[in-house]
Amino acid sequence: MTTLKEAFLDKYPKYGIILRMFEEANECSAEWDELSKLRLIRFTEYIGERVAPNSARQYAAKFKAVLNRYSDEIRLDFNFAEILSLKEQVSVNTFLDEDEIRRLAAVEVSNDTERLIRDQFVLGCVTGARHSDYAQFTSDNIDGGWLSYVSQKTKVYVEIPVSPILRRFIKEESPALGERMVSDVYFNDTIRKLAEKAGITGKTRCFKAGKNVSGRKCDLIASHTARRSCASNLAARGVSEVWIKKILGHTRGTTDRYICCDGHGMPKVARDYFMSFK
């Protein structure tokens, strides 16, 4: 019979971290026989403490999808779907301003993995792409001074100017353009250490996981902070919401469906943001 690990990795081959987090939370192997109500609760509490709320919801949803897929073969005497259906929580998060992004881009790294994470995060800041997208950019995404890609999550086509810093990454053969990903937990731990090293240590407040949180900014950032930083800095420059949504690859609302925006027609105030990072 297919093992739990085989079943999970067959459906989500890039998300072995979820199985490892189940094992870390319960100090046992991820096997069908080890599943119980208490252990799934411990798993959701564990991921809730270690990754962003949206990531925790996605991790739990993936685990639930695998259990649903094999529900006819593996009978569980408790409602696993209810346990693994984490509620969406409204969050007010922090972001890096343009000066902080430049300081992080210039921070010294100790090894290739730190360089990979630093450069991928900076790519997120200067493109607005999701972690799942900017972690897989290569030079093939660039043509004629424009970076284009299709968002893995929304399937929306995105086209933005190639910033000078991205050209530098290409010239220097940055590992960020090698389609390599590291786990969310390791990525977040590392980018926080690098942000501290870059002096991004000012006090800030945010609302996460249903409670107010205060502390040093470097301790409160994560992979998605890059995307949020791009959106916040574009808004601060006066870029319209329609263009910010297009740049981020968000799905459009009813009204926006009638508004057509070709990437090459992007207003100068938005282009200037991308071109300001050298």
C-alpha atoms as a PDB file:
ATOM      1  CA  MET A   1       0.000   0.000   0.000  1.00  0.00           C
ATOM      2  CA  THR A   2       1.122   3.562  -0.697  1.00  0.00           C
ATOM      3  CA  THR A   3       2.692   5.150   2.393  1.00  0.00           C
ATOM      4  CA  LEU A   4       1.687   8.574   3.645  1.00  0.00           C
ATOM      5  CA  LYS A   5       5.026  10.009   2.548  1.00  0.00           C
ATOM      6  CA  GLU A   6       4.672   8.513  -0.928  1.00  0.00           C
ATOM      7  CA  ALA A   7       1.102   9.770  -1.217  1.00  0.00           C
ATOM      8  CA  PHE A   8       2.007  13.267  -0.099  1.00  0.00           C
ATOM      9  CA  LEU A   9       5.109  13.662  -2.258  1.00  0.00           C
ATOM     10  CA  ASP A  10       3.269  12.253  -5.267  1.00  0.00           C
ATOM     11  CA  LYS A  11       0.821  15.161  -5.028  1.00  0.00           C
ATOM     12  CA  TYR A  12       3.177  17.816  -3.644  1.00  0.00           C
ATOM     13  CA  PRO A  13       6.760  16.816  -4.550  1.00  0.00           C
ATOM     14  CA  LYS A  14       8.206  20.221  -3.590  1.00  0.00           C
ATOM     15  CA  TYR A  15       6.612  20.366  -0.146  1.00  0.00           C
ATOM     16  CA  GLY A  16       8.415  17.731   1.882  1.00  0.00           C
ATOM     17  CA  ILE A  17       8.840  20.451   4.526  1.00  0.00           C
ATOM     18  CA  ILE A  18       5.186  19.907   5.493  1.00  0.00           C
ATOM     19  CA  LEU A  19       5.824  16.264   6.337  1.00  0.00           C
ATOM     20  CA  ARG A  20       8.944  17.226   8.279  1.00  0.00           C
ATOM     21  CA  MET A  21       6.985  19.779  10.290  1.00  0.00           C
ATOM     22  CA  PHE A  22       4.359  17.146  11.139  1.00  0.00           C
ATOM     23  CA  GLU A  23       7.163  14.897  12.369  1.00  0.00           C
ATOM     24  CA  GLU A  24       8.837  17.688  14.347  1.00  0.00           C
ATOM     25  CA  ALA A  25       5.534  18.672  15.961  1.00  0.00           C
ATOM     26  CA  ASN A  26       4.757  15.118  17.073  1.00  0.00           C
ATOM     27  CA  GLU A  27       8.212  13.509  17.366  1.00  0.00           C
ATOM     28  CA  CYS A  28       7.108  10.579  15.222  1.00  0.00           C
ATOM     29  CA  SER A  29       7.255   9.481  11.587  1.00  0.00           C
ATOM     30  CA  ALA A  30       4.664  10.730   9.111  1.00  0.00           C
ATOM     31  CA  GLU A  31       2.796   7.447   8.633  1.00  0.00           C
ATOM     32  CA  TRP A  32      -0.871   6.594   8.219  1.00  0.00           C
ATOM     33  CA  ASP A  33      -0.886   4.732  11.552  1.00  0.00           C
ATOM     34  CA  GLU A  34       0.490   7.788  13.366  1.00  0.00           C
ATOM     35  CA  LEU A  35      -2.407  10.059  12.386  1.00  0.00           C
ATOM     36  CA  SER A  36      -4.650  11.103  15.252  1.00  0.00           C
ATOM     37  CA  LYS A  37      -6.793  14.053  16.226  1.00  0.00           C
ATOM     38  CA  LEU A  38      -4.274  15.250  18.806  1.00  0.00           C
ATOM     39  CA  ARG A  39      -1.333  14.954  16.432  1.00  0.00           C
ATOM     40  CA  LEU A  40      -3.078  16.954  13.704  1.00  0.00           C
ATOM     41  CA  ILE A  41      -3.918  19.639  16.266  1.00  0.00           C
ATOM     42  CA  ARG A  42      -0.273  19.737  17.366  1.00  0.00           C
ATOM     43  CA  PHE A  43       0.756  19.995  13.699  1.00  0.00           C
ATOM     44  CA  THR A  44      -1.519  23.012  13.068  1.00  0.00           C
ATOM     45  CA  GLU A  45      -0.293  24.714  16.244  1.00  0.00           C
ATOM     46  CA  TYR A  46       3.319  24.028  15.265  1.00  0.00           C
ATOM     47  CA  ILE A  47       3.064  25.508  11.772  1.00  0.00           C
ATOM     48  CA  GLY A  48       1.023  28.419  13.135  1.00  0.00           C
ATOM     49  CA  GLU A  49       3.955  29.389  15.341  1.00  0.00           C
ATOM     50  CA  ARG A  50       6.605  29.066  12.635  1.00  0.00           C
ATOM     51  CA  VAL A  51       5.247  30.377   9.337  1.00  0.00           C
ATOM     52  CA  ALA A  52       2.995  33.226   8.231  1.00  0.00           C
ATOM     53  CA  PRO A  53      -0.778  32.664   8.646  1.00  0.00           C
ATOM     54  CA  ASN A  54      -1.348  32.290   4.898  1.00  0.00           C
ATOM     55  CA  SER A  55       1.476  29.758   4.631  1.00  0.00           C
ATOM     56  CA  ALA A  56       0.079  27.840   7.609  1.00  0.00           C
ATOM     57  CA  ARG A  57      -3.330  27.701   5.920  1.00  0.00           C
ATOM     58  CA  GLN A  58      -1.748  26.448   2.687  1.00  0.00           C
ATOM     59  CA  TYR A  59       0.299  23.798   4.509  1.00  0.00           C
ATOM     60  CA  ALA A  60      -2.770  22.535   6.380  1.00  0.00           C
ATOM     61  CA  ALA A  61      -4.855  22.592   3.185  1.00  0.00           C
ATOM     62  CA  LYS A  62      -2.253  20.486   1.338  1.00  0.00           C
ATOM     63  CA  PHE A  63      -2.195  17.942   4.160  1.00  0.00           C
ATOM     64  CA  LYS A  64      -6.007  17.853   4.100  1.00  0.00           C
ATOM     65  CA  ALA A  65      -6.068  17.383   0.311  1.00  0.00           C
ATOM     66  CA  VAL A  66      -3.888  14.274   0.595  1.00  0.00           C
ATOM     67  CA  LEU A  67      -6.053  12.806   3.360  1.00  0.00           C
ATOM     68  CA  ASN A  68      -9.174  13.505   1.277  1.00  0.00           C
ATOM     69  CA  ARG A  69      -7.586  11.815  -1.719  1.00  0.00           C
ATOM     70  CA  TYR A  70      -7.028   8.607   0.248  1.00  0.00           C
ATOM     71  CA  SER A  71     -10.112   8.771   2.491  1.00  0.00           C
ATOM     72  CA  ASP A  72     -11.612   5.612   0.953  1.00  0.00           C
ATOM     73  CA  GLU A  73      -8.508   3.614   1.817  1.00  0.00           C
ATOM     74  CA  ILE A  74      -7.609   5.209   5.148  1.00  0.00           C
ATOM     75  CA  ARG A  75     -10.546   5.539   7.521  1.00  0.00           C
ATOM     76  CA  LEU A  76     -10.052   8.111  10.269  1.00  0.00           C
ATOM     77  CA  ASP A  77     -12.533   8.204  13.168  1.00  0.00           C
ATOM     78  CA  PHE A  78     -12.347  11.989  13.598  1.00  0.00           C
ATOM     79  CA  ASN A  79     -13.032  15.052  11.449  1.00  0.00           C
ATOM     80  CA  PHE A  80      -9.584  15.762  10.037  1.00  0.00           C
ATOM     81  CA  ALA A  81     -10.983  18.284   7.535  1.00  0.00           C
ATOM     82  CA  GLU A  82     -12.257  20.512  10.334  1.00  0.00           C
ATOM     83  CA  ILE A  83      -8.909  20.449  12.147  1.00  0.00           C
ATOM     84  CA  LEU A  84      -6.971  21.261   8.975  1.00  0.00           C
ATOM     85  CA  SER A  85      -9.307  24.048   7.795  1.00  0.00           C
ATOM     86  CA  LEU A  86      -7.545  27.026   9.340  1.00  0.00           C
ATOM     87  CA  LYS A  87      -9.447  30.296   9.390  1.00  0.00           C
ATOM     88  CA  GLU A  88      -8.204  33.195   7.361  1.00  0.00           C
ATOM     89  CA  GLN A  89      -7.107  36.070   9.569  1.00  0.00           C
ATOM     90  CA  VAL A  90      -6.803  39.687   8.567  1.00  0.00           C
ATOM     91  CA  SER A  91      -3.250  40.836   9.165  1.00  0.00           C
ATOM     92  CA  VAL A  92      -1.566  44.214   9.258  1.00  0.00           C
ATOM     93  CA  ASN A  93       2.038  43.520   8.403  1.00  0.00           C
ATOM     94  CA  THR A  94       5.257  45.415   8.062  1.00  0.00           C
ATOM     95  CA  PHE A  95       7.215  46.219   4.894  1.00  0.00           C
ATOM     96  CA  LEU A  96      10.643  47.508   3.895  1.00  0.00           C
ATOM     97  CA  ASP A  97      10.914  51.020   2.497  1.00  0.00           C
ATOM     98  CA  GLU A  98      13.125  51.718  -0.521  1.00  0.00           C
ATOM     99  CA  ASP A  99      16.168  52.657   1.557  1.00  0.00           C
ATOM    100  CA  GLU A 100      15.884  49.473   3.639  1.00  0.00           C
ATOM    101  CA  ILE A 101      15.650  47.359   0.467  1.00  0.00           C
ATOM    102  CA  ARG A 102      18.897  48.918  -0.789  1.00  0.00           C
ATOM    103  CA  ARG A 103      20.622  48.271   2.520  1.00  0.00           C
ATOM    104  CA  LEU A 104      19.525  44.651   2.456  1.00  0.00           C
ATOM    105  CA  ALA A 105      20.662  44.257  -1.162  1.00  0.00           C
ATOM    106  CA  ALA A 106      24.129  45.494  -0.153  1.00  0.00           C
ATOM    107  CA  VAL A 107      24.507  43.437   3.029  1.00  0.00           C
ATOM    108  CA  GLU A 108      27.462  41.047   3.084  1.00  0.00           C
ATOM    109  CA  VAL A 109      26.606  37.337   2.937  1.00  0.00           C
ATOM    110  CA  SER A 110      28.602  34.395   4.275  1.00  0.00           C
ATOM    111  CA  ASN A 111      27.824  31.711   1.704  1.00  0.00           C
ATOM    112  CA  ASP A 112      25.965  30.935  -1.517  1.00  0.00           C
ATOM    113  CA  THR A 113      22.747  29.995   0.265  1.00  0.00           C
ATOM    114  CA  GLU A 114      22.614  33.347   2.069  1.00  0.00           C
ATOM    115  CA  ARG A 115      23.276  35.059  -1.251  1.00  0.00           C
ATOM    116  CA  LEU A 116      20.475  33.048  -2.865  1.00  0.00           C
ATOM    117  CA  ILE A 117      17.986  34.063  -0.176  1.00  0.00           C
ATOM    118  CA  ARG A 118      19.086  37.709  -0.087  1.00  0.00           C
ATOM    119  CA  ASP A 119      18.908  38.070  -3.868  1.00  0.00           C
ATOM    120  CA  GLN A 120      15.577  36.217  -4.149  1.00  0.00           C
ATOM    121  CA  PHE A 121      14.064  38.460  -1.474  1.00  0.00           C
ATOM    122  CA  VAL A 122      15.345  41.578  -3.221  1.00  0.00           C
ATOM    123  CA  LEU A 123      13.871  40.258  -6.478  1.00  0.00           C
ATOM    124  CA  GLY A 124      10.521  40.062  -4.707  1.00  0.00           C
ATOM    125  CA  CYS A 125      10.890  43.663  -3.545  1.00  0.00           C
ATOM    126  CA  VAL A 126      11.719  44.987  -7.018  1.00  0.00           C
ATOM    127  CA  THR A 127       9.242  42.862  -8.973  1.00  0.00           C
ATOM    128  CA  GLY A 128       6.298  42.383  -6.599  1.00  0.00           C
ATOM    129  CA  ALA A 129       6.227  38.675  -7.445  1.00  0.00           C
ATOM    130  CA  ARG A 130       5.231  35.963  -4.991  1.00  0.00           C
ATOM    131  CA  HIS A 131       7.939  33.811  -3.413  1.00  0.00           C
ATOM    132  CA  SER A 132       6.776  30.821  -5.500  1.00  0.00           C
ATOM    133  CA  ASP A 133       7.304  32.928  -8.641  1.00  0.00           C
ATOM    134  CA  TYR A 134      10.430  34.982  -7.916  1.00  0.00           C
ATOM    135  CA  ALA A 135      12.240  31.877  -6.650  1.00  0.00           C
ATOM    136  CA  GLN A 136      11.986  30.436 -10.164  1.00  0.00           C
ATOM    137  CA  PHE A 137      12.963  33.429 -12.322  1.00  0.00           C
ATOM    138  CA  THR A 138      15.733  32.844 -14.842  1.00  0.00           C
ATOM    139  CA  SER A 139      17.175  34.935 -17.661  1.00  0.00           C
ATOM    140  CA  ASP A 140      14.595  33.248 -19.916  1.00  0.00           C
ATOM    141  CA  ASN A 141      11.938  35.420 -18.283  1.00  0.00           C
ATOM    142  CA  ILE A 142      13.584  38.541 -19.728  1.00  0.00           C
ATOM    143  CA  ASP A 143      13.104  39.873 -23.233  1.00  0.00           C
ATOM    144  CA  GLY A 144      13.693  43.362 -24.580  1.00  0.00           C
ATOM    145  CA  GLY A 145      14.035  45.079 -21.216  1.00  0.00           C
ATOM    146  CA  TRP A 146      10.903  43.477 -19.756  1.00  0.00           C
ATOM    147  CA  LEU A 147      10.459  40.690 -17.244  1.00  0.00           C
ATOM    148  CA  SER A 148       7.395  38.551 -17.897  1.00  0.00           C
ATOM    149  CA  TYR A 149       5.943  35.506 -16.168  1.00  0.00           C
ATOM    150  CA  VAL A 150       2.640  33.782 -15.437  1.00  0.00           C
ATOM    151  CA  SER A 151       1.780  33.685 -11.737  1.00  0.00           C
ATOM    152  CA  GLN A 152       1.671  30.093 -10.497  1.00  0.00           C
ATOM    153  CA  LYS A 153      -1.141  30.899  -8.071  1.00  0.00           C
ATOM    154  CA  THR A 154      -3.501  33.035 -10.162  1.00  0.00           C
ATOM    155  CA  LYS A 155      -2.334  32.177 -13.721  1.00  0.00           C
ATOM    156  CA  VAL A 156      -2.241  35.919 -14.450  1.00  0.00           C
ATOM    157  CA  TYR A 157       0.323  37.174 -16.989  1.00  0.00           C
ATOM    158  CA  VAL A 158       2.608  39.853 -15.527  1.00  0.00           C
ATOM    159  CA  GLU A 159       5.009  42.162 -17.366  1.00  0.00           C
ATOM    160  CA  ILE A 160       7.282  44.694 -15.639  1.00  0.00           C
ATOM    161  CA  PRO A 161      10.456  46.640 -16.530  1.00  0.00           C
ATOM    162  CA  VAL A 162      13.790  44.964 -15.835  1.00  0.00           C
ATOM    163  CA  SER A 163      15.483  46.906 -13.054  1.00  0.00           C
ATOM    164  CA  PRO A 164      19.256  47.585 -13.075  1.00  0.00           C
ATOM    165  CA  ILE A 165      19.705  45.342 -10.040  1.00  0.00           C
ATOM    166  CA  LEU A 166      18.145  42.438 -11.923  1.00  0.00           C
ATOM    167  CA  ARG A 167      20.537  43.027 -14.819  1.00  0.00           C
ATOM    168  CA  ARG A 168      23.376  42.971 -12.280  1.00  0.00           C
ATOM    169  CA  PHE A 169      22.137  39.665 -10.871  1.00  0.00           C
ATOM    170  CA  ILE A 170      22.197  38.234 -14.389  1.00  0.00           C
ATOM    171  CA  LYS A 171      25.712  39.554 -15.080  1.00  0.00           C
ATOM    172  CA  GLU A 172      27.011  38.237 -11.758  1.00  0.00           C
ATOM    173  CA  GLU A 173      25.242  34.897 -12.263  1.00  0.00           C
ATOM    174  CA  SER A 174      23.346  35.208  -8.992  1.00  0.00           C
ATOM    175  CA  PRO A 175      22.062  31.873  -7.636  1.00  0.00           C
ATOM    176  CA  ALA A 176      18.680  33.599  -7.315  1.00  0.00           C
ATOM    177  CA  LEU A 177      18.183  32.949 -11.033  1.00  0.00           C
ATOM    178  CA  GLY A 178      18.802  29.237 -10.826  1.00  0.00           C
ATOM    179  CA  GLU A 179      15.287  27.971 -10.048  1.00  0.00           C
ATOM    180  CA  ARG A 180      16.381  26.804  -6.591  1.00  0.00           C
ATOM    181  CA  MET A 181      14.085  27.016  -3.575  1.00  0.00           C
ATOM    182  CA  VAL A 182      14.691  26.509   0.135  1.00  0.00           C
ATOM    183  CA  SER A 183      12.033  25.826   2.752  1.00  0.00           C
ATOM    184  CA  ASP A 184       9.898  28.720   3.988  1.00  0.00           C
ATOM    185  CA  VAL A 185      11.187  28.268   7.526  1.00  0.00           C
ATOM    186  CA  TYR A 186      14.861  28.387   6.519  1.00  0.00           C
ATOM    187  CA  PHE A 187      14.225  31.263   4.097  1.00  0.00           C
ATOM    188  CA  ASN A 188      12.495  33.347   6.768  1.00  0.00           C
ATOM    189  CA  ASP A 189      15.085  32.636   9.464  1.00  0.00           C
ATOM    190  CA  THR A 190      17.896  33.622   7.097  1.00  0.00           C
ATOM    191  CA  ILE A 191      16.335  36.804   5.718  1.00  0.00           C
ATOM    192  CA  ARG A 192      15.670  37.985   9.282  1.00  0.00           C
ATOM    193  CA  LYS A 193      19.322  37.464  10.198  1.00  0.00           C
ATOM    194  CA  LEU A 194      20.446  39.347   7.095  1.00  0.00           C
ATOM    195  CA  ALA A 195      18.009  42.187   7.804  1.00  0.00           C
ATOM    196  CA  GLU A 196      19.435  42.471  11.311  1.00  0.00           C
ATOM    197  CA  LYS A 197      22.924  42.568   9.820  1.00  0.00           C
ATOM    198  CA  ALA A 198      21.765  45.353   7.475  1.00  0.00           C
ATOM    199  CA  GLY A 199      20.642  47.403  10.482  1.00  0.00           C
ATOM    200  CA  ILE A 200      16.897  47.099   9.829  1.00  0.00           C
ATOM    201  CA  THR A 201      16.256  46.966  13.544  1.00  0.00           C
ATOM    202  CA  GLY A 202      13.859  49.842  14.227  1.00  0.00           C
ATOM    203  CA  LYS A 203      10.827  49.142  16.414  1.00  0.00           C
ATOM    204  CA  THR A 204       7.562  48.448  14.613  1.00  0.00           C
ATOM    205  CA  ARG A 205       4.092  47.057  15.306  1.00  0.00           C
ATOM    206  CA  CYS A 206       1.802  44.795  13.330  1.00  0.00           C
ATOM    207  CA  PHE A 207      -1.262  42.592  13.774  1.00  0.00           C
ATOM    208  CA  LYS A 208      -0.633  38.915  13.068  1.00  0.00           C
ATOM    209  CA  ALA A 209      -2.348  35.645  13.944  1.00  0.00           C
ATOM    210  CA  GLY A 210      -5.095  37.491  15.813  1.00  0.00           C
ATOM    211  CA  LYS A 211      -2.893  39.556  18.116  1.00  0.00           C
ATOM    212  CA  ASN A 212      -0.840  42.729  18.204  1.00  0.00           C
ATOM    213  CA  VAL A 213       2.863  42.154  17.835  1.00  0.00           C
ATOM    214  CA  SER A 214       5.675  44.624  18.379  1.00  0.00           C
ATOM    215  CA  GLY A 215       9.405  44.253  18.005  1.00  0.00           C
ATOM    216  CA  ARG A 216      12.337  44.904  15.726  1.00  0.00           C
ATOM    217  CA  LYS A 217      11.394  45.073  12.073  1.00  0.00           C
ATOM    218  CA  CYS A 218      14.057  42.489  11.166  1.00  0.00           C
ATOM    219  CA  ASP A 219      12.303  39.954  13.412  1.00  0.00           C
ATOM    220  CA  LEU A 220       8.877  40.491  11.834  1.00  0.00           C
ATOM    221  CA  ILE A 221       9.637  40.090   8.138  1.00  0.00           C
ATOM    222  CA  ALA A 222       9.198  36.949   6.031  1.00  0.00           C
ATOM    223  CA  SER A 223       9.308  35.898   2.384  1.00  0.00           C
ATOM    224  CA  HIS A 224       5.980  37.598   1.593  1.00  0.00           C
ATOM    225  CA  THR A 225       7.282  40.898   3.013  1.00  0.00           C
ATOM    226  CA  ALA A 226       9.118  41.357  -0.288  1.00  0.00           C
ATOM    227  CA  ARG A 227       5.887  41.426  -2.299  1.00  0.00           C
ATOM    228  CA  ARG A 228       4.198  43.614   0.291  1.00  0.00           C
ATOM    229  CA  SER A 229       7.140  46.033   0.189  1.00  0.00           C
ATOM    230  CA  CYS A 230       6.808  46.456  -3.575  1.00  0.00           C
ATOM    231  CA  ALA A 231       3.081  47.185  -3.319  1.00  0.00           C
ATOM    232  CA  SER A 232       3.517  49.606  -0.390  1.00  0.00           C
ATOM    233  CA  ASN A 233       6.346  51.539  -2.052  1.00  0.00           C
ATOM    234  CA  LEU A 234       4.434  51.830  -5.326  1.00  0.00           C
ATOM    235  CA  ALA A 235       1.425  53.167  -3.410  1.00  0.00           C
ATOM    236  CA  ALA A 236       3.662  55.658  -1.581  1.00  0.00           C
ATOM    237  CA  ARG A 237       4.811  56.931  -4.983  1.00  0.00           C
ATOM    238  CA  GLY A 238       1.205  57.527  -6.001  1.00  0.00           C
ATOM    239  CA  VAL A 239       0.799  54.589  -8.408  1.00  0.00           C
ATOM    240  CA  SER A 240      -2.883  53.767  -8.933  1.00  0.00           C
ATOM    241  CA  GLU A 241      -4.443  50.657  -7.435  1.00  0.00           C
ATOM    242  CA  VAL A 242      -5.271  49.351 -10.927  1.00  0.00           C
ATOM    243  CA  TRP A 243      -1.586  49.334 -11.868  1.00  0.00           C
ATOM    244  CA  ILE A 244      -0.462  47.903  -8.530  1.00  0.00           C
ATOM    245  CA  LYS A 245      -2.891  45.011  -8.990  1.00  0.00           C
ATOM    246  CA  LYS A 246      -1.567  44.414 -12.500  1.00  0.00           C
ATOM    247  CA  ILE A 247       2.066  44.527 -11.371  1.00  0.00           C
ATOM    248  CA  LEU A 248       1.388  42.084  -8.536  1.00  0.00           C
ATOM    249  CA  GLY A 249      -0.553  39.696 -10.762  1.00  0.00           C
ATOM    250  CA  HIS A 250      -3.681  39.883  -8.619  1.00  0.00           C
ATOM    251  CA  THR A 251      -6.916  38.568 -10.043  1.00  0.00           C
ATOM    252  CA  ARG A 252      -9.148  41.449 -10.991  1.00  0.00           C
ATOM    253  CA  GLY A 253     -12.465  42.600  -9.584  1.00  0.00           C
ATOM    254  CA  THR A 254     -15.561  43.118 -11.702  1.00  0.00           C
ATOM    255  CA  THR A 255     -14.794  46.721 -12.659  1.00  0.00           C
ATOM    256  CA  ASP A 256     -11.163  46.023 -13.459  1.00  0.00           C
ATOM    257  CA  ARG A 257     -12.150  43.426 -16.052  1.00  0.00           C
ATOM    258  CA  TYR A 258     -13.169  46.300 -18.307  1.00  0.00           C
ATOM    259  CA  ILE A 259      -9.844  48.120 -17.897  1.00  0.00           C
ATOM    260  CA  CYS A 260      -7.099  46.963 -20.260  1.00  0.00           C
ATOM    261  CA  CYS A 261      -3.516  47.858 -19.315  1.00  0.00           C
ATOM    262  CA  ASP A 262      -0.641  46.825 -21.532  1.00  0.00           C
ATOM    263  CA  GLY A 263       2.564  46.541 -19.483  1.00  0.00           C
ATOM    264  CA  HIS A 264       4.481  48.805 -21.855  1.00  0.00           C
ATOM    265  CA  GLY A 265       1.988  51.577 -21.098  1.00  0.00           C
ATOM    266  CA  MET A 266       2.899  51.588 -17.416  1.00  0.00           C
ATOM    267  CA  PRO A 267       2.989  55.156 -15.997  1.00  0.00           C
ATOM    268  CA  LYS A 268       6.401  56.728 -15.442  1.00  0.00           C
ATOM    269  CA  VAL A 269       5.917  56.926 -11.683  1.00  0.00           C
ATOM    270  CA  ALA A 270       5.677  53.115 -11.596  1.00  0.00           C
ATOM    271  CA  ARG A 271       8.581  52.552 -14.008  1.00  0.00           C
ATOM    272  CA  ASP A 272      10.752  54.848 -11.900  1.00  0.00           C
ATOM    273  CA  TYR A 273      10.313  52.527  -8.907  1.00  0.00           C
ATOM    274  CA  PHE A 274      11.762  49.543 -10.743  1.00  0.00           C
ATOM    275  CA  MET A 275      14.567  51.510 -12.331  1.00  0.00           C
ATOM    276  CA  SER A 276      15.660  53.049  -9.020  1.00  0.00           C
ATOM    277  CA  PHE A 277      17.298  49.829  -7.770  1.00  0.00           C
ATOM    278  CA  LYS A 278      20.811  49.515  -9.119  1.00  0.00           C
END
